[in-house]
C-alpha atoms as a PDB file:
ATOM      1  CA  MET A   1      68.864  26.187 -85.816  1.00  0.00           C
ATOM      2  CA  THR A   2      70.068  29.255 -83.917  1.00  0.00           C
ATOM      3  CA  ARG A   3      72.802  31.293 -85.539  1.00  0.00           C
ATOM      4  CA  LEU A   4      75.862  32.223 -83.567  1.00  0.00           C
ATOM      5  CA  ILE A   5      76.665  35.799 -82.734  1.00  0.00           C
ATOM      6  CA  PRO A   6      79.602  36.966 -84.869  1.00  0.00           C
ATOM      7  CA  LYS A   7      82.980  37.205 -83.138  1.00  0.00           C
ATOM      8  CA  ASP A   8      83.784  40.536 -84.778  1.00  0.00           C
ATOM      9  CA  ARG A   9      82.316  43.244 -87.025  1.00  0.00           C
ATOM     10  CA  SER A  10      83.592  41.706 -90.276  1.00  0.00           C
ATOM     11  CA  SER A  11      80.424  39.673 -90.924  1.00  0.00           C
ATOM     12  CA  ILE A  12      78.178  42.753 -90.901  1.00  0.00           C
ATOM     13  CA  GLN A  13      77.496  43.847 -94.464  1.00  0.00           C
ATOM     14  CA  VAL A  14      74.244  45.789 -94.037  1.00  0.00           C
ATOM     15  CA  ALA A  15      73.844  49.120 -92.244  1.00  0.00           C
ATOM     16  CA  ALA A  16      70.564  50.867 -91.514  1.00  0.00           C
ATOM     17  CA  ILE A  17      71.288  54.555 -90.956  1.00  0.00           C
ATOM     18  CA  CYS A  18      68.521  56.398 -89.093  1.00  0.00           C
ATOM     19  CA  VAL A  19      68.117  60.118 -88.444  1.00  0.00           C
ATOM     20  CA  LEU A  20      65.137  60.100 -86.080  1.00  0.00           C
ATOM     21  CA  GLU A  21      64.506  58.028 -82.961  1.00  0.00           C
ATOM     22  CA  GLN A  22      61.216  56.763 -84.418  1.00  0.00           C
ATOM     23  CA  GLU A  23      63.062  55.389 -87.449  1.00  0.00           C
ATOM     24  CA  PHE A  24      65.644  53.737 -85.211  1.00  0.00           C
ATOM     25  CA  SER A  25      62.910  52.180 -83.051  1.00  0.00           C
ATOM     26  CA  ALA A  26      61.153  50.758 -86.114  1.00  0.00           C
ATOM     27  CA  MET A  27      64.398  49.191 -87.362  1.00  0.00           C
ATOM     28  CA  ALA A  28      65.383  47.860 -83.932  1.00  0.00           C
ATOM     29  CA  THR A  29      61.939  46.276 -83.596  1.00  0.00           C
ATOM     30  CA  ALA A  30      62.553  44.457 -86.897  1.00  0.00           C
ATOM     31  CA  LEU A  31      65.649  42.701 -85.472  1.00  0.00           C
ATOM     32  CA  ASP A  32      65.215  38.957 -85.028  1.00  0.00           C
ATOM     33  CA  MET A  33      68.181  39.045 -82.649  1.00  0.00           C
ATOM     34  CA  ASP A  34      69.763  42.035 -80.909  1.00  0.00           C
ATOM     35  CA  PHE A  35      73.417  41.092 -80.369  1.00  0.00           C
ATOM     36  CA  ASP A  36      73.715  43.572 -77.483  1.00  0.00           C
ATOM     37  CA  GLU A  37      71.125  41.566 -75.532  1.00  0.00           C
ATOM     38  CA  CYS A  38      73.064  38.333 -75.930  1.00  0.00           C
ATOM     39  CA  PRO A  39      75.758  37.175 -73.490  1.00  0.00           C
ATOM     40  CA  GLY A  40      79.381  37.611 -74.486  1.00  0.00           C
ATOM     41  CA  GLU A  41      81.632  40.305 -75.864  1.00  0.00           C
ATOM     42  CA  ARG A  42      80.201  43.310 -77.680  1.00  0.00           C
ATOM     43  CA  LEU A  43      81.203  43.873 -81.289  1.00  0.00           C
ATOM     44  CA  GLY A  44      82.411  47.366 -80.473  1.00  0.00           C
ATOM     45  CA  LYS A  45      83.661  50.090 -82.789  1.00  0.00           C
ATOM     46  CA  LEU A  46      86.826  52.008 -83.583  1.00  0.00           C
ATOM     47  CA  PRO A  47      88.320  53.970 -80.643  1.00  0.00           C
ATOM     48  CA  ASN A  48      87.433  57.485 -81.885  1.00  0.00           C
ATOM     49  CA  ASP A  49      83.999  56.560 -83.268  1.00  0.00           C
ATOM     50  CA  THR A  50      81.367  58.458 -81.252  1.00  0.00           C
ATOM     51  CA  ASN A  51      78.366  56.698 -82.830  1.00  0.00           C
ATOM     52  CA  SER A  52      76.171  54.336 -80.875  1.00  0.00           C
ATOM     53  CA  TYR A  53      75.405  51.085 -82.700  1.00  0.00           C
ATOM     54  CA  THR A  54      72.844  48.323 -82.363  1.00  0.00           C
ATOM     55  CA  PRO A  55      74.150  45.227 -84.142  1.00  0.00           C
ATOM     56  CA  GLY A  56      71.802  42.349 -84.769  1.00  0.00           C
ATOM     57  CA  GLN A  57      70.268  39.917 -87.182  1.00  0.00           C
ATOM     58  CA  ILE A  58      67.337  40.240 -89.576  1.00  0.00           C
ATOM     59  CA  GLY A  59      66.605  36.949 -91.288  1.00  0.00           C
ATOM     60  CA  ASN A  60      69.972  35.525 -92.334  1.00  0.00           C
ATOM     61  CA  HIS A  61      71.701  38.910 -92.409  1.00  0.00           C
ATOM     62  CA  ASP A  62      73.917  40.492 -89.790  1.00  0.00           C
ATOM     63  CA  VAL A  63      73.080  44.199 -89.679  1.00  0.00           C
ATOM     64  CA  VAL A  64      74.045  47.255 -87.719  1.00  0.00           C
ATOM     65  CA  ILE A  65      71.664  50.093 -86.948  1.00  0.00           C
ATOM     66  CA  VAL A  66      73.018  53.544 -86.224  1.00  0.00           C
ATOM     67  CA  LEU A  67      71.027  56.511 -84.978  1.00  0.00           C
ATOM     68  CA  LEU A  68      72.695  59.680 -86.201  1.00  0.00           C
ATOM     69  CA  PRO A  69      73.231  62.221 -83.424  1.00  0.00           C
ATOM     70  CA  TYR A  70      72.175  65.260 -85.455  1.00  0.00           C
ATOM     71  CA  THR A  71      69.954  65.987 -88.430  1.00  0.00           C
ATOM     72  CA  ARG A  72      72.266  68.573 -89.981  1.00  0.00           C
ATOM     73  CA  ILE A  73      74.222  67.560 -93.079  1.00  0.00           C
ATOM     74  CA  GLU A  74      77.832  67.815 -91.864  1.00  0.00           C
ATOM     75  CA  PRO A  75      77.398  65.780 -88.632  1.00  0.00           C
ATOM     76  CA  ALA A  76      75.354  63.207 -90.544  1.00  0.00           C
ATOM     77  CA  ILE A  77      78.118  62.812 -93.117  1.00  0.00           C
ATOM     78  CA  ALA A  78      80.744  62.435 -90.357  1.00  0.00           C
ATOM     79  CA  ALA A  79      78.631  59.882 -88.476  1.00  0.00           C
ATOM     80  CA  THR A  80      78.016  57.880 -91.640  1.00  0.00           C
ATOM     81  CA  ALA A  81      81.740  57.919 -92.469  1.00  0.00           C
ATOM     82  CA  SER A  82      82.509  56.640 -88.953  1.00  0.00           C
ATOM     83  CA  THR A  83      80.009  53.828 -89.469  1.00  0.00           C
ATOM     84  CA  LEU A  84      81.779  52.731 -92.639  1.00  0.00           C
ATOM     85  CA  LEU A  85      85.148  52.836 -90.842  1.00  0.00           C
ATOM     86  CA  SER A  86      83.992  50.847 -87.805  1.00  0.00           C
ATOM     87  CA  TYR A  87      82.149  48.370 -90.045  1.00  0.00           C
ATOM     88  CA  PRO A  88      84.399  48.181 -93.138  1.00  0.00           C
ATOM     89  CA  GLN A  89      82.579  45.213 -94.715  1.00  0.00           C
ATOM     90  CA  ILE A  90      79.346  47.202 -95.205  1.00  0.00           C
ATOM     91  CA  LYS A  91      78.150  46.586 -98.752  1.00  0.00           C
ATOM     92  CA  VAL A  92      74.567  47.814 -98.417  1.00  0.00           C
ATOM     93  CA  PRO A  93      74.059  51.015 -96.411  1.00  0.00           C
ATOM     94  CA  PHE A  94      70.387  51.971 -96.229  1.00  0.00           C
ATOM     95  CA  VAL A  95      69.163  55.372 -95.171  1.00  0.00           C
ATOM     96  CA  VAL A  96      65.969  54.601 -93.277  1.00  0.00           C
ATOM     97  CA  GLY A  97      63.484  57.294 -92.569  1.00  0.00           C
ATOM     98  CA  VAL A  98      60.692  59.637 -93.177  1.00  0.00           C
ATOM     99  CA  CYS A  99      60.916  61.114 -96.632  1.00  0.00           C
ATOM    100  CA  GLY A 100      60.103  64.708 -95.863  1.00  0.00           C
ATOM    101  CA  SER A 101      60.593  65.892 -99.420  1.00  0.00           C
ATOM    102  CA  ALA A 102      58.382  63.399-101.239  1.00  0.00           C
ATOM    103  CA  LEU A 103      55.219  65.215-102.161  1.00  0.00           C
ATOM    104  CA  LYS A 104      53.690  63.000-104.849  1.00  0.00           C
ATOM    105  CA  ASP A 105      54.506  59.678-106.449  1.00  0.00           C
ATOM    106  CA  GLN A 106      55.176  59.117-110.161  1.00  0.00           C
ATOM    107  CA  GLU A 107      51.440  58.903-110.910  1.00  0.00           C
ATOM    108  CA  GLY A 108      50.785  62.202-109.136  1.00  0.00           C
ATOM    109  CA  ASP A 109      49.106  60.638-106.079  1.00  0.00           C
ATOM    110  CA  ASP A 110      49.882  62.020-102.622  1.00  0.00           C
ATOM    111  CA  ILE A 111      52.375  60.054-100.546  1.00  0.00           C
ATOM    112  CA  ILE A 112      50.773  59.385 -97.172  1.00  0.00           C
ATOM    113  CA  LEU A 113      51.802  58.015 -93.793  1.00  0.00           C
ATOM    114  CA  GLY A 114      52.522  54.298 -94.074  1.00  0.00           C
ATOM    115  CA  ASP A 115      53.682  54.390 -97.682  1.00  0.00           C
ATOM    116  CA  VAL A 116      57.014  52.714 -98.336  1.00  0.00           C
ATOM    117  CA  ILE A 117      59.411  54.605-100.574  1.00  0.00           C
ATOM    118  CA  ILE A 118      62.423  52.885-102.114  1.00  0.00           C
ATOM    119  CA  SER A 119      64.668  55.265-103.971  1.00  0.00           C
ATOM    120  CA  THR A 120      67.169  54.384-106.667  1.00  0.00           C
ATOM    121  CA  TYR A 121      69.351  57.309-105.598  1.00  0.00           C
ATOM    122  CA  VAL A 122      69.419  60.083-103.050  1.00  0.00           C
ATOM    123  CA  PHE A 123      69.925  63.746-103.795  1.00  0.00           C
ATOM    124  CA  HIS A 124      70.183  66.800-101.626  1.00  0.00           C
ATOM    125  CA  LEU A 125      67.794  69.626-102.401  1.00  0.00           C
ATOM    126  CA  SER A 126      70.816  71.743-103.295  1.00  0.00           C
ATOM    127  CA  TYR A 127      70.901  69.587-106.414  1.00  0.00           C
ATOM    128  CA  ALA A 128      67.227  70.038-107.300  1.00  0.00           C
ATOM    129  CA  ARG A 129      64.453  72.552-107.622  1.00  0.00           C
ATOM    130  CA  ILE A 130      60.754  72.573-106.881  1.00  0.00           C
ATOM    131  CA  VAL A 131      58.723  73.192-110.016  1.00  0.00           C
ATOM    132  CA  SER A 132      55.025  73.939-110.551  1.00  0.00           C
ATOM    133  CA  GLY A 133      52.684  71.714-108.588  1.00  0.00           C
ATOM    134  CA  GLY A 134      55.297  71.071-105.907  1.00  0.00           C
ATOM    135  CA  THR A 135      57.184  68.431-107.901  1.00  0.00           C
ATOM    136  CA  ILE A 136      60.886  68.084-107.100  1.00  0.00           C
ATOM    137  CA  GLU A 137      62.999  68.040-110.229  1.00  0.00           C
ATOM    138  CA  PRO A 138      66.674  67.022-109.954  1.00  0.00           C
ATOM    139  CA  TYR A 139      69.124  69.077-111.963  1.00  0.00           C
ATOM    140  CA  LYS A 140      70.527  67.334-115.022  1.00  0.00           C
ATOM    141  CA  ASP A 141      72.853  64.394-114.274  1.00  0.00           C
ATOM    142  CA  VAL A 142      72.430  64.650-110.495  1.00  0.00           C
ATOM    143  CA  ALA A 143      72.347  60.836-110.197  1.00  0.00           C
ATOM    144  CA  ALA A 144      75.674  60.613-111.980  1.00  0.00           C
ATOM    145  CA  THR A 145      77.106  63.345-109.744  1.00  0.00           C
ATOM    146  CA  LEU A 146      76.060  61.749-106.442  1.00  0.00           C
ATOM    147  CA  GLY A 147      76.321  58.158-107.580  1.00  0.00           C
ATOM    148  CA  ARG A 148      73.850  55.431-108.271  1.00  0.00           C
ATOM    149  CA  ALA A 149      73.203  52.293-106.261  1.00  0.00           C
ATOM    150  CA  PRO A 150      75.493  49.306-106.914  1.00  0.00           C
ATOM    151  CA  LYS A 151      74.412  46.937-109.719  1.00  0.00           C
ATOM    152  CA  ALA A 152      73.166  44.253-107.316  1.00  0.00           C
ATOM    153  CA  ILE A 153      70.838  46.720-105.586  1.00  0.00           C
ATOM    154  CA  SER A 154      69.716  48.322-108.864  1.00  0.00           C
ATOM    155  CA  SER A 155      68.920  44.892-110.271  1.00  0.00           C
ATOM    156  CA  TYR A 156      66.930  43.924-107.180  1.00  0.00           C
ATOM    157  CA  LEU A 157      65.007  47.220-107.203  1.00  0.00           C
ATOM    158  CA  LEU A 158      64.134  46.693-110.857  1.00  0.00           C
ATOM    159  CA  LYS A 159      62.765  43.244-109.957  1.00  0.00           C
ATOM    160  CA  CYS A 160      60.738  44.809-107.114  1.00  0.00           C
ATOM    161  CA  GLN A 161      59.156  47.213-109.587  1.00  0.00           C
ATOM    162  CA  SER A 162      57.823  44.366-111.714  1.00  0.00           C
ATOM    163  CA  THR A 163      54.069  43.786-111.795  1.00  0.00           C
ATOM    164  CA  TYR A 164      54.645  40.272-110.446  1.00  0.00           C
ATOM    165  CA  LYS A 165      56.528  41.442-107.342  1.00  0.00           C
ATOM    166  CA  ILE A 166      54.154  44.321-106.644  1.00  0.00           C
ATOM    167  CA  GLN A 167      51.226  41.891-106.809  1.00  0.00           C
ATOM    168  CA  LYS A 168      52.996  39.483-104.396  1.00  0.00           C
ATOM    169  CA  ILE A 169      53.736  42.300-101.943  1.00  0.00           C
ATOM    170  CA  GLN A 170      50.103  43.440-102.084  1.00  0.00           C
ATOM    171  CA  GLU A 171      48.864  39.876-101.479  1.00  0.00           C
ATOM    172  CA  LYS A 172      51.113  39.524 -98.404  1.00  0.00           C
ATOM    173  CA  PHE A 173      50.043  42.954 -97.156  1.00  0.00           C
ATOM    174  CA  TYR A 174      46.345  42.059 -97.377  1.00  0.00           C
ATOM    175  CA  LYS A 175      46.997  38.702 -95.707  1.00  0.00           C
ATOM    176  CA  TYR A 176      48.746  40.377 -92.742  1.00  0.00           C
ATOM    177  CA  VAL A 177      46.133  43.126 -92.415  1.00  0.00           C
ATOM    178  CA  ASN A 178      43.332  40.535 -92.434  1.00  0.00           C
ATOM    179  CA  ALA A 179      45.157  38.549 -89.750  1.00  0.00           C
ATOM    180  CA  LEU A 180      45.259  41.674 -87.586  1.00  0.00           C
ATOM    181  CA  LEU A 181      41.541  42.326 -88.001  1.00  0.00           C
END
C-alpha cells in the first residue's frame, strides 16, 4: 500500500541535518519517497527560513533532510534553529556526517572510512581536550552541560549496543556484501 504525501509539515518528526553535500546525497539516496518529486503542493517552510529542505519518507517515517549552508558554528546553529521552527514537530534531529574528530574507538582501534558512529551526545571541541595518544577527553560534566539524548533515543541506543543487536547487524551486513559480490 502506498502512503500518501502529508498535507503539511506537522507529520514530520525526524530531521537529518547534513553539513557536507556528500552527507546530504547519502541521506537523499536513502529516501524511499522524495516528496518534492511527487505531484501536488510542496510542504514549504516559514517565510524567513533560508534553508533548503528535502522532505520524504524512509520506511514508515516522514523525514526532512537539510543541507546546512556553511560549516561554521554560528550559521549552522541558525540553520538548525530555522529547521526546528519550520518543522516544529521534530522529535528526533540527527546530525549526519563525517566525524572528523573521531580518532579511535573505545577499544583503541582506528576508525576508518565506512565505519558507522552513533554518538550518545555531541560536544564541541571547546568543551574537550586532546590527551596523549590523540584521544579526545570531554571536560567533566560536558554531557550534562550540552544535554543528553531523549530517553527514547538513549534506550534504543543502549539496545543497539547489546551483543544480540550487534550480531544481527553484522549478519545483515555480511548478507548484503555477499549479495553484491
